[in-house]
């Protein structure tokens, strides 16, 4: 399973590091064939986070044709103040990604059969603002549901939301739970349990899954 975790200017470090460590830990418990890499729309570069002066190194360009799983983090910045959107606010940081090559690459990822796109916190808002998930159920940080509503996306108040090829985690620390759920779903419950024990974290919350249509007689 090849995972690409996306970096963009102003990303939230914990949104990246939590799923990175959880998914990478699958190798530590004996699951071969798991690869996790940090990528950006521009390719290999040092990417500044929203927590100055922390940066992480993207080692490659986001390439949906090479991935089984793409993880999109949220941003870190000032909280919105009413209708005023400051330049350093989370909505403004997310909006700046729309002027990069990232939305086009994420559209490719969502269109590719067999690939799952996962988001942490404001990552789902990024997809919504880019017009990529209209009408689809996702979760995000509780302060970001207005952004989802404004973009025609269905906000679901749950820790993790599974809509098939789109899986989303709610607040910042949900990256741990999202990663464990993805290990269970994509590999096995045994792998997820082994990683839970390794990192001493029990997954929180009930996963909301999109209803399955009843089979016709």
N, C-alpha and C. Protein backbone atom coordinates (compact mmCIF):
# COMPACT_ATOMS: atom_id res chain seq x y z
N UNK A 1 0.86 -1.19 0.00
CA UNK A 1 0.00 0.00 0.00
C UNK A 1 0.89 1.24 0.00
N UNK A 2 0.82 2.03 -1.06
CA UNK A 2 1.60 3.25 -1.15
C UNK A 2 0.74 4.45 -0.76
N UNK A 3 1.19 5.19 0.24
CA UNK A 3 0.47 6.36 0.72
C UNK A 3 1.28 7.62 0.43
N UNK A 4 0.61 8.63 -0.10
CA UNK A 4 1.23 9.93 -0.29
C UNK A 4 0.49 10.94 0.60
N UNK A 5 1.23 11.58 1.50
CA UNK A 5 0.65 12.58 2.38
C UNK A 5 1.06 13.96 1.85
N UNK A 6 0.07 14.79 1.61
CA UNK A 6 0.27 16.05 0.91
C UNK A 6 0.74 17.16 1.86
N UNK A 7 1.75 17.90 1.44
CA UNK A 7 2.17 19.10 2.13
C UNK A 7 1.86 20.33 1.27
N UNK A 8 1.43 21.41 1.90
CA UNK A 8 1.26 22.69 1.23
C UNK A 8 1.63 23.78 2.23
N UNK A 9 1.94 24.96 1.76
CA UNK A 9 2.35 26.04 2.65
C UNK A 9 1.27 26.32 3.69
N UNK A 10 1.64 26.23 4.98
CA UNK A 10 0.70 26.50 6.05
C UNK A 10 -0.02 25.28 6.58
N UNK A 11 0.39 24.08 6.17
CA UNK A 11 -0.27 22.86 6.66
C UNK A 11 -0.13 22.74 8.18
N UNK A 12 -1.03 21.98 8.79
CA UNK A 12 -0.97 21.71 10.22
C UNK A 12 -0.04 20.50 10.44
N UNK A 13 1.06 20.66 11.17
CA UNK A 13 2.01 19.55 11.31
C UNK A 13 1.42 18.28 11.89
N UNK A 14 0.56 18.40 12.90
CA UNK A 14 0.01 17.19 13.52
C UNK A 14 -0.93 16.45 12.56
N UNK A 15 -1.60 17.17 11.68
CA UNK A 15 -2.43 16.52 10.67
C UNK A 15 -1.61 15.60 9.78
N UNK A 16 -0.33 15.93 9.64
CA UNK A 16 0.57 15.14 8.78
C UNK A 16 1.27 14.05 9.58
N UNK A 17 1.85 14.44 10.71
CA UNK A 17 2.72 13.53 11.45
C UNK A 17 1.92 12.37 12.07
N UNK A 18 0.71 12.63 12.57
CA UNK A 18 -0.07 11.56 13.21
C UNK A 18 -0.38 10.42 12.23
N UNK A 19 -1.01 10.70 11.08
CA UNK A 19 -1.25 9.58 10.16
C UNK A 19 0.03 9.01 9.57
N UNK A 20 1.07 9.86 9.39
CA UNK A 20 2.34 9.35 8.87
C UNK A 20 2.91 8.28 9.79
N UNK A 21 2.95 8.58 11.10
CA UNK A 21 3.53 7.61 12.03
C UNK A 21 2.67 6.37 12.16
N UNK A 22 1.35 6.53 12.21
CA UNK A 22 0.46 5.37 12.34
C UNK A 22 0.59 4.46 11.13
N UNK A 23 0.51 5.03 9.93
CA UNK A 23 0.57 4.21 8.73
C UNK A 23 1.95 3.58 8.56
N UNK A 24 2.99 4.33 8.87
CA UNK A 24 4.35 3.78 8.77
C UNK A 24 4.58 2.65 9.76
N UNK A 25 3.90 2.72 10.91
CA UNK A 25 4.09 1.70 11.94
C UNK A 25 3.64 0.32 11.49
N UNK A 26 2.85 0.25 10.43
CA UNK A 26 2.44 -1.06 9.92
C UNK A 26 3.65 -1.91 9.56
N UNK A 27 4.71 -1.27 9.06
CA UNK A 27 5.93 -2.01 8.74
C UNK A 27 6.59 -2.54 10.02
N UNK A 28 6.47 -1.78 11.10
CA UNK A 28 7.12 -2.17 12.36
C UNK A 28 6.46 -3.38 12.99
N UNK A 29 5.19 -3.62 12.63
CA UNK A 29 4.49 -4.79 13.19
C UNK A 29 4.46 -5.94 12.18
N UNK A 30 5.30 -5.82 11.14
CA UNK A 30 5.48 -6.96 10.24
C UNK A 30 4.70 -6.92 8.95
N UNK A 31 4.04 -5.80 8.64
CA UNK A 31 3.27 -5.71 7.41
C UNK A 31 4.17 -5.15 6.30
N UNK A 32 4.62 -6.05 5.43
CA UNK A 32 5.50 -5.62 4.34
C UNK A 32 4.68 -4.92 3.25
N UNK A 33 5.35 -4.17 2.43
CA UNK A 33 4.68 -3.56 1.29
C UNK A 33 3.97 -2.26 1.59
N UNK A 34 4.19 -1.70 2.79
CA UNK A 34 3.59 -0.42 3.14
C UNK A 34 4.63 0.68 2.94
N UNK A 35 4.31 1.66 2.12
CA UNK A 35 5.20 2.79 1.88
C UNK A 35 4.44 4.08 2.14
N UNK A 36 5.09 5.01 2.84
CA UNK A 36 4.49 6.30 3.14
C UNK A 36 5.49 7.38 2.77
N UNK A 37 5.06 8.37 1.98
CA UNK A 37 5.96 9.45 1.59
C UNK A 37 5.25 10.79 1.69
N UNK A 38 6.04 11.83 1.91
CA UNK A 38 5.53 13.19 1.94
C UNK A 38 5.72 13.81 0.56
N UNK A 39 4.67 14.43 0.04
CA UNK A 39 4.69 14.96 -1.32
C UNK A 39 4.11 16.37 -1.33
N UNK A 40 4.34 17.07 -2.43
CA UNK A 40 3.70 18.37 -2.63
C UNK A 40 3.30 18.48 -4.09
N UNK A 41 2.47 19.45 -4.42
CA UNK A 41 2.05 19.64 -5.80
C UNK A 41 3.22 20.08 -6.67
N UNK A 42 4.22 20.70 -6.06
CA UNK A 42 5.35 21.24 -6.81
C UNK A 42 6.51 20.27 -6.92
N UNK A 43 6.51 19.20 -6.13
CA UNK A 43 7.61 18.27 -6.12
C UNK A 43 8.44 18.39 -4.87
N UNK A 44 9.65 17.89 -4.92
CA UNK A 44 10.53 17.88 -3.75
C UNK A 44 10.86 19.31 -3.33
N UNK A 45 10.60 19.64 -2.08
CA UNK A 45 10.92 20.96 -1.55
C UNK A 45 10.70 20.97 -0.05
N UNK A 46 11.26 21.96 0.62
CA UNK A 46 10.97 22.20 2.04
C UNK A 46 9.68 23.00 2.11
N UNK A 47 8.72 22.48 2.85
CA UNK A 47 7.39 23.11 2.89
C UNK A 47 7.16 23.70 4.28
N UNK A 48 6.93 25.00 4.38
CA UNK A 48 6.70 25.61 5.69
C UNK A 48 5.31 25.26 6.23
N UNK A 49 5.27 24.88 7.48
CA UNK A 49 3.98 24.59 8.11
C UNK A 49 3.37 25.88 8.63
N UNK A 50 2.20 25.76 9.23
CA UNK A 50 1.58 26.92 9.86
C UNK A 50 2.09 27.17 11.26
N UNK A 51 3.04 26.35 11.71
CA UNK A 51 3.63 26.48 13.04
C UNK A 51 5.10 26.89 12.86
N UNK A 52 5.33 28.17 12.70
CA UNK A 52 6.66 28.69 12.44
C UNK A 52 7.60 28.37 13.61
N UNK A 53 8.83 27.90 13.36
CA UNK A 53 9.51 27.77 12.07
C UNK A 53 9.53 26.34 11.54
N UNK A 54 8.59 25.51 11.93
CA UNK A 54 8.62 24.10 11.55
C UNK A 54 8.35 23.92 10.06
N UNK A 55 9.21 23.16 9.41
CA UNK A 55 9.00 22.77 8.02
C UNK A 55 9.19 21.27 7.90
N UNK A 56 8.60 20.69 6.88
CA UNK A 56 8.82 19.30 6.55
C UNK A 56 9.27 19.21 5.10
N UNK A 57 9.99 18.17 4.77
CA UNK A 57 10.53 18.00 3.43
C UNK A 57 9.65 17.08 2.60
N UNK A 58 9.08 17.62 1.53
CA UNK A 58 8.41 16.78 0.54
C UNK A 58 9.48 16.16 -0.34
N UNK A 59 9.43 14.87 -0.50
CA UNK A 59 10.48 14.18 -1.25
C UNK A 59 10.10 13.90 -2.69
N UNK A 60 8.85 14.17 -3.06
CA UNK A 60 8.40 13.88 -4.42
C UNK A 60 7.17 14.71 -4.73
N UNK A 61 6.74 14.67 -5.99
CA UNK A 61 5.53 15.34 -6.41
C UNK A 61 4.32 14.44 -6.19
N UNK A 62 3.21 15.01 -5.79
CA UNK A 62 1.98 14.24 -5.67
C UNK A 62 1.66 13.60 -7.02
N UNK A 63 1.52 12.29 -7.03
CA UNK A 63 1.29 11.56 -8.28
C UNK A 63 0.22 10.50 -8.04
N UNK A 64 -1.05 10.84 -8.29
CA UNK A 64 -2.13 9.88 -8.02
C UNK A 64 -2.00 8.56 -8.76
N UNK A 65 -1.27 8.54 -9.88
CA UNK A 65 -1.12 7.29 -10.63
C UNK A 65 -0.24 6.29 -9.88
N UNK A 66 0.52 6.75 -8.87
CA UNK A 66 1.42 5.89 -8.12
C UNK A 66 0.90 5.57 -6.73
N UNK A 67 -0.25 6.09 -6.37
CA UNK A 67 -0.70 5.98 -4.97
C UNK A 67 -1.93 5.08 -4.83
N UNK A 68 -2.02 4.44 -3.68
CA UNK A 68 -3.23 3.73 -3.28
C UNK A 68 -4.05 4.58 -2.32
N UNK A 69 -3.35 5.47 -1.61
CA UNK A 69 -3.99 6.33 -0.61
C UNK A 69 -3.33 7.69 -0.65
N UNK A 70 -4.13 8.76 -0.70
CA UNK A 70 -3.64 10.13 -0.62
C UNK A 70 -4.27 10.77 0.59
N UNK A 71 -3.43 11.33 1.47
CA UNK A 71 -3.92 11.96 2.70
C UNK A 71 -3.72 13.48 2.59
N UNK A 72 -4.79 14.23 2.85
CA UNK A 72 -4.76 15.69 2.74
C UNK A 72 -4.96 16.29 4.14
N UNK A 73 -3.98 17.03 4.65
CA UNK A 73 -4.13 17.65 5.97
C UNK A 73 -4.89 18.96 5.88
N UNK A 74 -5.16 19.53 7.03
CA UNK A 74 -5.71 20.87 7.09
C UNK A 74 -4.61 21.89 7.29
N UNK A 75 -5.01 23.11 7.60
CA UNK A 75 -4.06 24.20 7.78
C UNK A 75 -4.02 24.62 9.25
N UNK A 76 -2.96 25.34 9.60
CA UNK A 76 -2.85 25.90 10.94
C UNK A 76 -2.69 27.42 10.80
N UNK A 77 -3.54 28.15 11.49
CA UNK A 77 -3.49 29.61 11.41
C UNK A 77 -4.45 30.22 12.40
N UNK A 78 -4.72 31.50 12.24
CA UNK A 78 -5.65 32.18 13.13
C UNK A 78 -7.07 31.71 12.87
N UNK A 79 -7.86 31.72 13.92
CA UNK A 79 -9.26 31.34 13.77
C UNK A 79 -10.03 32.49 13.12
N UNK A 80 -11.06 32.19 12.33
CA UNK A 80 -11.84 33.26 11.70
C UNK A 80 -12.54 34.11 12.74
N UNK A 81 -12.64 35.40 12.46
CA UNK A 81 -13.27 36.36 13.36
C UNK A 81 -14.50 36.93 12.67
N UNK A 82 -15.63 36.25 12.86
CA UNK A 82 -16.87 36.68 12.20
C UNK A 82 -16.73 36.60 10.69
N UNK A 83 -17.13 37.67 10.01
CA UNK A 83 -17.05 37.69 8.56
C UNK A 83 -15.67 38.13 8.06
N UNK A 84 -14.82 38.57 8.97
CA UNK A 84 -13.50 39.04 8.58
C UNK A 84 -12.56 37.85 8.44
N UNK A 85 -11.89 37.76 7.30
CA UNK A 85 -10.95 36.67 7.05
C UNK A 85 -9.55 37.25 6.98
N UNK A 86 -8.79 37.10 8.04
CA UNK A 86 -7.43 37.64 8.08
C UNK A 86 -6.53 36.83 7.16
N UNK A 87 -5.44 37.48 6.75
CA UNK A 87 -4.51 36.84 5.82
C UNK A 87 -3.91 35.58 6.40
N UNK A 88 -3.76 35.53 7.73
CA UNK A 88 -3.14 34.37 8.36
C UNK A 88 -4.17 33.41 8.95
N UNK A 89 -5.44 33.58 8.59
CA UNK A 89 -6.48 32.70 9.12
C UNK A 89 -6.48 31.38 8.37
N UNK A 90 -7.05 30.37 9.00
CA UNK A 90 -7.11 29.05 8.39
C UNK A 90 -7.85 29.08 7.05
N UNK A 91 -9.03 29.73 6.95
CA UNK A 91 -9.69 29.78 5.63
C UNK A 91 -8.83 30.43 4.55
N UNK A 92 -8.06 31.47 4.93
CA UNK A 92 -7.21 32.15 3.95
C UNK A 92 -6.06 31.25 3.50
N UNK A 93 -5.47 30.52 4.45
CA UNK A 93 -4.39 29.60 4.10
C UNK A 93 -4.90 28.52 3.15
N UNK A 94 -6.07 27.96 3.46
CA UNK A 94 -6.65 26.95 2.58
C UNK A 94 -6.97 27.52 1.21
N UNK A 95 -7.49 28.74 1.19
CA UNK A 95 -7.87 29.36 -0.08
C UNK A 95 -6.66 29.56 -0.99
N UNK A 96 -5.49 29.81 -0.40
CA UNK A 96 -4.30 30.03 -1.23
C UNK A 96 -3.89 28.77 -1.98
N UNK A 97 -4.26 27.61 -1.48
CA UNK A 97 -3.91 26.38 -2.20
C UNK A 97 -4.68 26.27 -3.52
N UNK A 98 -5.79 27.00 -3.64
CA UNK A 98 -6.60 26.91 -4.85
C UNK A 98 -5.90 27.54 -6.05
N UNK A 99 -4.87 28.36 -5.80
CA UNK A 99 -4.12 29.00 -6.87
C UNK A 99 -2.86 28.21 -7.24
N UNK A 100 -2.74 27.00 -6.70
CA UNK A 100 -1.60 26.14 -7.00
C UNK A 100 -2.07 24.97 -7.87
N UNK A 101 -1.17 24.06 -8.14
CA UNK A 101 -1.54 22.87 -8.91
C UNK A 101 -2.20 21.80 -8.08
N UNK A 102 -2.37 22.05 -6.77
CA UNK A 102 -2.90 21.01 -5.89
C UNK A 102 -4.33 20.59 -6.23
N UNK A 103 -5.29 21.52 -6.45
CA UNK A 103 -6.65 21.08 -6.74
C UNK A 103 -6.76 20.14 -7.95
N UNK A 104 -5.99 20.43 -9.00
CA UNK A 104 -6.03 19.57 -10.18
C UNK A 104 -5.53 18.17 -9.88
N UNK A 105 -4.47 18.07 -9.09
CA UNK A 105 -3.93 16.76 -8.75
C UNK A 105 -4.88 16.00 -7.83
N UNK A 106 -5.54 16.72 -6.90
CA UNK A 106 -6.52 16.06 -6.03
C UNK A 106 -7.74 15.61 -6.82
N UNK A 107 -8.12 16.36 -7.85
CA UNK A 107 -9.21 15.93 -8.72
C UNK A 107 -8.84 14.62 -9.42
N UNK A 108 -7.60 14.52 -9.88
CA UNK A 108 -7.13 13.27 -10.49
C UNK A 108 -7.22 12.12 -9.49
N UNK A 109 -6.83 12.40 -8.24
CA UNK A 109 -6.85 11.35 -7.22
C UNK A 109 -8.28 10.86 -6.97
N UNK A 110 -9.21 11.80 -6.88
CA UNK A 110 -10.61 11.41 -6.62
C UNK A 110 -11.21 10.68 -7.80
N UNK A 111 -10.71 10.92 -9.00
CA UNK A 111 -11.25 10.28 -10.20
C UNK A 111 -10.63 8.91 -10.47
N UNK A 112 -9.54 8.61 -9.81
CA UNK A 112 -8.83 7.37 -10.13
C UNK A 112 -9.46 6.17 -9.41
N UNK A 113 -9.93 5.18 -10.14
CA UNK A 113 -10.51 3.99 -9.51
C UNK A 113 -9.48 3.27 -8.65
N UNK A 114 -9.94 2.82 -7.48
CA UNK A 114 -9.08 2.06 -6.59
C UNK A 114 -8.24 2.90 -5.65
N UNK A 115 -8.27 4.22 -5.80
CA UNK A 115 -7.50 5.10 -4.93
C UNK A 115 -8.44 5.71 -3.89
N UNK A 116 -8.00 5.75 -2.65
CA UNK A 116 -8.76 6.39 -1.57
C UNK A 116 -8.12 7.71 -1.20
N UNK A 117 -8.92 8.75 -1.11
CA UNK A 117 -8.47 10.05 -0.62
C UNK A 117 -8.95 10.20 0.82
N UNK A 118 -8.04 10.49 1.73
CA UNK A 118 -8.39 10.68 3.14
C UNK A 118 -8.01 12.10 3.54
N UNK A 119 -8.77 12.68 4.46
CA UNK A 119 -8.49 14.03 4.92
C UNK A 119 -8.45 14.07 6.44
N UNK A 120 -7.67 15.01 6.96
CA UNK A 120 -7.62 15.26 8.40
C UNK A 120 -8.03 16.70 8.64
N UNK A 121 -8.95 16.91 9.57
CA UNK A 121 -9.36 18.24 10.00
C UNK A 121 -9.79 19.08 8.79
N UNK A 122 -9.10 20.21 8.52
CA UNK A 122 -9.49 21.09 7.43
C UNK A 122 -9.17 20.59 6.05
N UNK A 123 -8.59 19.40 5.92
CA UNK A 123 -8.34 18.85 4.60
C UNK A 123 -9.61 18.66 3.80
N UNK A 124 -10.70 18.29 4.48
CA UNK A 124 -11.97 18.14 3.77
C UNK A 124 -12.49 19.49 3.31
N UNK A 125 -12.24 20.55 4.11
CA UNK A 125 -12.65 21.89 3.70
C UNK A 125 -11.87 22.33 2.47
N UNK A 126 -10.60 21.96 2.39
CA UNK A 126 -9.81 22.28 1.20
C UNK A 126 -10.45 21.66 -0.04
N UNK A 127 -10.80 20.37 0.05
CA UNK A 127 -11.46 19.70 -1.09
C UNK A 127 -12.79 20.37 -1.42
N UNK A 128 -13.53 20.75 -0.39
CA UNK A 128 -14.83 21.38 -0.61
C UNK A 128 -14.67 22.74 -1.27
N UNK A 129 -13.71 23.54 -0.80
CA UNK A 129 -13.49 24.86 -1.38
C UNK A 129 -13.04 24.76 -2.83
N UNK A 130 -12.37 23.66 -3.18
CA UNK A 130 -11.93 23.44 -4.56
C UNK A 130 -13.05 22.91 -5.44
N UNK A 131 -14.23 22.66 -4.85
CA UNK A 131 -15.37 22.17 -5.62
C UNK A 131 -15.27 20.71 -6.03
N UNK A 132 -14.54 19.92 -5.25
CA UNK A 132 -14.27 18.53 -5.64
C UNK A 132 -15.18 17.51 -4.98
N UNK A 133 -15.91 17.90 -3.92
CA UNK A 133 -16.68 16.89 -3.18
C UNK A 133 -18.11 17.37 -2.92
N UNK A 134 -18.66 18.13 -3.81
CA UNK A 134 -20.02 18.65 -3.63
C UNK A 134 -21.01 17.50 -3.43
N UNK A 135 -21.84 17.64 -2.40
CA UNK A 135 -22.86 16.64 -2.12
C UNK A 135 -22.38 15.41 -1.38
N UNK A 136 -21.10 15.33 -1.08
CA UNK A 136 -20.57 14.13 -0.42
C UNK A 136 -20.46 14.36 1.09
N UNK A 137 -20.64 13.32 1.89
CA UNK A 137 -20.54 13.45 3.34
C UNK A 137 -19.09 13.40 3.81
N UNK A 138 -18.70 14.38 4.63
CA UNK A 138 -17.37 14.41 5.23
C UNK A 138 -17.48 15.04 6.61
N UNK A 139 -16.41 14.91 7.36
CA UNK A 139 -16.34 15.61 8.64
C UNK A 139 -15.13 16.54 8.62
N UNK A 140 -15.07 17.42 9.59
CA UNK A 140 -13.95 18.35 9.73
C UNK A 140 -13.95 18.86 11.17
N UNK A 141 -13.06 19.78 11.49
CA UNK A 141 -13.08 20.43 12.80
C UNK A 141 -14.43 21.12 12.98
N UNK A 142 -14.93 21.15 14.21
CA UNK A 142 -16.28 21.67 14.42
C UNK A 142 -16.41 23.13 14.02
N UNK A 143 -15.29 23.87 13.98
CA UNK A 143 -15.36 25.27 13.56
C UNK A 143 -15.37 25.42 12.03
N UNK A 144 -15.22 24.32 11.32
CA UNK A 144 -15.13 24.41 9.86
C UNK A 144 -16.37 23.97 9.11
N UNK A 145 -17.46 23.67 9.85
CA UNK A 145 -18.65 23.18 9.16
C UNK A 145 -19.29 24.25 8.27
N UNK A 146 -19.13 25.51 8.63
CA UNK A 146 -19.67 26.57 7.77
C UNK A 146 -19.01 26.57 6.40
N UNK A 147 -17.70 26.29 6.36
CA UNK A 147 -17.00 26.20 5.09
C UNK A 147 -17.54 25.06 4.24
N UNK A 148 -17.85 23.93 4.88
CA UNK A 148 -18.43 22.82 4.14
C UNK A 148 -19.80 23.19 3.59
N UNK A 149 -20.63 23.80 4.44
CA UNK A 149 -21.98 24.17 4.01
C UNK A 149 -21.93 25.13 2.83
N UNK A 150 -21.02 26.11 2.90
CA UNK A 150 -20.93 27.11 1.83
C UNK A 150 -20.49 26.50 0.51
N UNK A 151 -19.86 25.34 0.57
CA UNK A 151 -19.36 24.68 -0.64
C UNK A 151 -20.27 23.55 -1.11
N UNK A 152 -21.42 23.41 -0.47
CA UNK A 152 -22.36 22.38 -0.90
C UNK A 152 -21.96 20.97 -0.50
N UNK A 153 -21.10 20.86 0.51
CA UNK A 153 -20.68 19.57 1.00
C UNK A 153 -21.48 19.21 2.25
N UNK A 154 -21.72 17.93 2.48
CA UNK A 154 -22.56 17.48 3.59
C UNK A 154 -21.69 17.24 4.81
N UNK A 155 -21.76 18.11 5.80
CA UNK A 155 -20.99 17.95 7.01
C UNK A 155 -21.62 16.93 7.95
N UNK A 156 -20.81 16.02 8.45
CA UNK A 156 -21.29 14.98 9.37
C UNK A 156 -20.50 15.11 10.68
N UNK A 157 -21.21 15.21 11.79
CA UNK A 157 -20.57 15.38 13.09
C UNK A 157 -20.16 14.01 13.63
N UNK A 158 -19.01 13.54 13.19
CA UNK A 158 -18.48 12.25 13.62
C UNK A 158 -16.96 12.32 13.63
N UNK A 159 -16.34 11.43 14.36
CA UNK A 159 -14.88 11.42 14.45
C UNK A 159 -14.23 11.04 13.12
N UNK A 160 -14.78 10.01 12.48
CA UNK A 160 -14.31 9.56 11.17
C UNK A 160 -15.52 9.26 10.31
N UNK A 161 -15.48 9.70 9.06
CA UNK A 161 -16.57 9.47 8.10
C UNK A 161 -16.01 8.70 6.91
N UNK A 162 -16.64 7.59 6.58
CA UNK A 162 -16.23 6.74 5.47
C UNK A 162 -17.27 6.81 4.37
N UNK A 163 -16.90 7.43 3.27
CA UNK A 163 -17.77 7.49 2.09
C UNK A 163 -17.10 6.78 0.92
N UNK A 164 -16.64 5.57 1.18
CA UNK A 164 -16.04 4.76 0.13
C UNK A 164 -14.62 5.21 -0.19
N UNK A 165 -14.46 5.88 -1.32
CA UNK A 165 -13.12 6.32 -1.71
C UNK A 165 -12.75 7.67 -1.12
N UNK A 166 -13.57 8.16 -0.20
CA UNK A 166 -13.30 9.42 0.51
C UNK A 166 -13.52 9.19 2.00
N UNK A 167 -12.45 9.27 2.78
CA UNK A 167 -12.53 9.04 4.23
C UNK A 167 -11.98 10.29 4.92
N UNK A 168 -12.72 10.80 5.90
CA UNK A 168 -12.31 12.05 6.54
C UNK A 168 -12.28 11.90 8.06
N UNK A 169 -11.32 12.65 8.66
CA UNK A 169 -11.20 12.71 10.11
C UNK A 169 -11.54 14.10 10.59
N UNK A 170 -12.05 14.22 11.80
CA UNK A 170 -12.59 15.49 12.29
C UNK A 170 -11.51 16.47 12.72
N UNK A 171 -11.18 16.51 13.98
CA UNK A 171 -10.24 17.52 14.48
C UNK A 171 -8.81 17.03 14.37
N UNK A 172 -7.88 17.84 14.86
CA UNK A 172 -6.46 17.59 14.63
C UNK A 172 -6.02 16.19 15.08
N UNK A 173 -6.35 15.81 16.30
CA UNK A 173 -5.89 14.52 16.82
C UNK A 173 -6.57 13.33 16.15
N UNK A 174 -7.61 13.57 15.36
CA UNK A 174 -8.29 12.46 14.68
C UNK A 174 -7.39 11.81 13.64
N UNK A 175 -6.23 12.43 13.32
CA UNK A 175 -5.31 11.79 12.39
C UNK A 175 -4.83 10.43 12.89
N UNK A 176 -4.74 10.28 14.23
CA UNK A 176 -4.40 8.99 14.80
C UNK A 176 -5.50 7.97 14.52
N UNK A 177 -6.74 8.36 14.79
CA UNK A 177 -7.86 7.45 14.61
C UNK A 177 -8.11 7.14 13.13
N UNK A 178 -7.94 8.15 12.30
CA UNK A 178 -8.09 7.95 10.86
C UNK A 178 -7.07 6.94 10.35
N UNK A 179 -5.81 7.12 10.78
CA UNK A 179 -4.78 6.19 10.35
C UNK A 179 -5.05 4.76 10.77
N UNK A 180 -5.48 4.58 12.02
CA UNK A 180 -5.79 3.24 12.51
C UNK A 180 -6.97 2.64 11.76
N UNK A 181 -7.98 3.45 11.49
CA UNK A 181 -9.13 2.94 10.75
C UNK A 181 -8.72 2.52 9.34
N UNK A 182 -7.87 3.30 8.70
CA UNK A 182 -7.43 2.95 7.35
C UNK A 182 -6.61 1.67 7.35
N UNK A 183 -5.79 1.46 8.39
CA UNK A 183 -5.07 0.20 8.49
C UNK A 183 -6.04 -0.97 8.61
N UNK A 184 -7.07 -0.81 9.44
CA UNK A 184 -8.06 -1.88 9.59
C UNK A 184 -8.78 -2.14 8.27
N UNK A 185 -9.20 -1.06 7.60
CA UNK A 185 -9.99 -1.20 6.38
C UNK A 185 -9.18 -1.72 5.21
N UNK A 186 -7.96 -1.20 5.05
CA UNK A 186 -7.16 -1.54 3.88
C UNK A 186 -6.28 -2.76 4.07
N UNK A 187 -5.88 -3.05 5.31
CA UNK A 187 -5.00 -4.19 5.55
C UNK A 187 -5.71 -5.27 6.36
N UNK A 188 -5.87 -5.04 7.66
CA UNK A 188 -6.60 -6.02 8.48
C UNK A 188 -6.79 -5.46 9.89
N UNK A 189 -7.80 -5.96 10.62
CA UNK A 189 -7.96 -5.56 12.02
C UNK A 189 -6.75 -5.94 12.86
N UNK A 190 -6.09 -7.05 12.50
CA UNK A 190 -4.94 -7.50 13.26
C UNK A 190 -3.79 -6.49 13.18
N UNK A 191 -3.58 -5.92 11.99
CA UNK A 191 -2.53 -4.91 11.84
C UNK A 191 -2.89 -3.66 12.65
N UNK A 192 -4.14 -3.23 12.56
CA UNK A 192 -4.57 -2.04 13.30
C UNK A 192 -4.41 -2.25 14.80
N UNK A 193 -4.79 -3.41 15.31
CA UNK A 193 -4.65 -3.69 16.74
C UNK A 193 -3.19 -3.69 17.16
N UNK A 194 -2.32 -4.27 16.33
CA UNK A 194 -0.90 -4.31 16.66
C UNK A 194 -0.31 -2.90 16.73
N UNK A 195 -0.74 -2.03 15.82
CA UNK A 195 -0.24 -0.65 15.84
C UNK A 195 -0.82 0.11 17.03
N UNK A 196 -2.09 -0.15 17.36
CA UNK A 196 -2.68 0.46 18.56
C UNK A 196 -1.84 0.16 19.79
N UNK A 197 -1.44 -1.10 19.93
CA UNK A 197 -0.63 -1.48 21.09
C UNK A 197 0.74 -0.83 21.03
N UNK A 198 1.31 -0.74 19.85
CA UNK A 198 2.64 -0.17 19.69
C UNK A 198 2.67 1.30 20.11
N UNK A 199 1.64 2.06 19.70
CA UNK A 199 1.64 3.49 20.00
C UNK A 199 0.82 3.83 21.24
N UNK A 200 0.27 2.79 21.90
CA UNK A 200 -0.50 2.97 23.14
C UNK A 200 -1.64 3.96 22.95
N UNK A 201 -2.41 3.75 21.88
CA UNK A 201 -3.57 4.62 21.63
C UNK A 201 -4.72 3.75 21.14
N UNK A 202 -5.86 3.84 21.83
CA UNK A 202 -7.05 3.13 21.39
C UNK A 202 -7.89 4.07 20.54
N UNK A 203 -8.30 3.59 19.38
CA UNK A 203 -9.06 4.42 18.45
C UNK A 203 -10.35 4.90 19.09
N UNK A 204 -10.66 6.17 18.89
CA UNK A 204 -11.84 6.78 19.50
C UNK A 204 -12.96 6.94 18.49
N UNK A 205 -14.19 6.87 19.01
CA UNK A 205 -15.35 7.25 18.21
C UNK A 205 -15.86 6.16 17.28
N UNK A 206 -17.14 6.28 16.94
CA UNK A 206 -17.77 5.38 15.98
C UNK A 206 -17.56 5.93 14.58
N UNK A 207 -17.19 5.07 13.65
CA UNK A 207 -17.01 5.49 12.26
C UNK A 207 -18.37 5.58 11.59
N UNK A 208 -18.66 6.75 11.03
CA UNK A 208 -19.90 6.94 10.25
C UNK A 208 -19.64 6.46 8.84
N UNK A 209 -20.45 5.52 8.38
CA UNK A 209 -20.29 4.99 7.02
C UNK A 209 -21.50 5.34 6.19
N UNK A 210 -21.29 5.65 4.92
CA UNK A 210 -22.38 5.95 4.02
C UNK A 210 -23.30 4.76 3.93
N UNK A 211 -24.63 4.96 4.02
CA UNK A 211 -25.58 3.84 3.95
C UNK A 211 -25.42 3.07 2.64
N UNK A 212 -25.52 1.77 2.76
CA UNK A 212 -25.45 0.90 1.57
C UNK A 212 -26.86 0.69 1.07
N UNK A 213 -27.07 0.92 -0.21
CA UNK A 213 -28.41 0.73 -0.79
C UNK A 213 -28.86 -0.71 -0.66
N UNK A 214 -30.11 -0.90 -0.29
CA UNK A 214 -30.63 -2.26 -0.14
C UNK A 214 -30.62 -2.99 -1.48
N UNK A 215 -30.22 -4.25 -1.43
CA UNK A 215 -30.16 -5.07 -2.64
C UNK A 215 -31.56 -5.28 -3.19
N UNK A 216 -31.68 -5.22 -4.50
CA UNK A 216 -32.98 -5.48 -5.12
C UNK A 216 -33.27 -6.96 -5.15
N UNK A 217 -34.54 -7.31 -4.98
CA UNK A 217 -34.87 -8.75 -5.02
C UNK A 217 -34.67 -9.32 -6.42
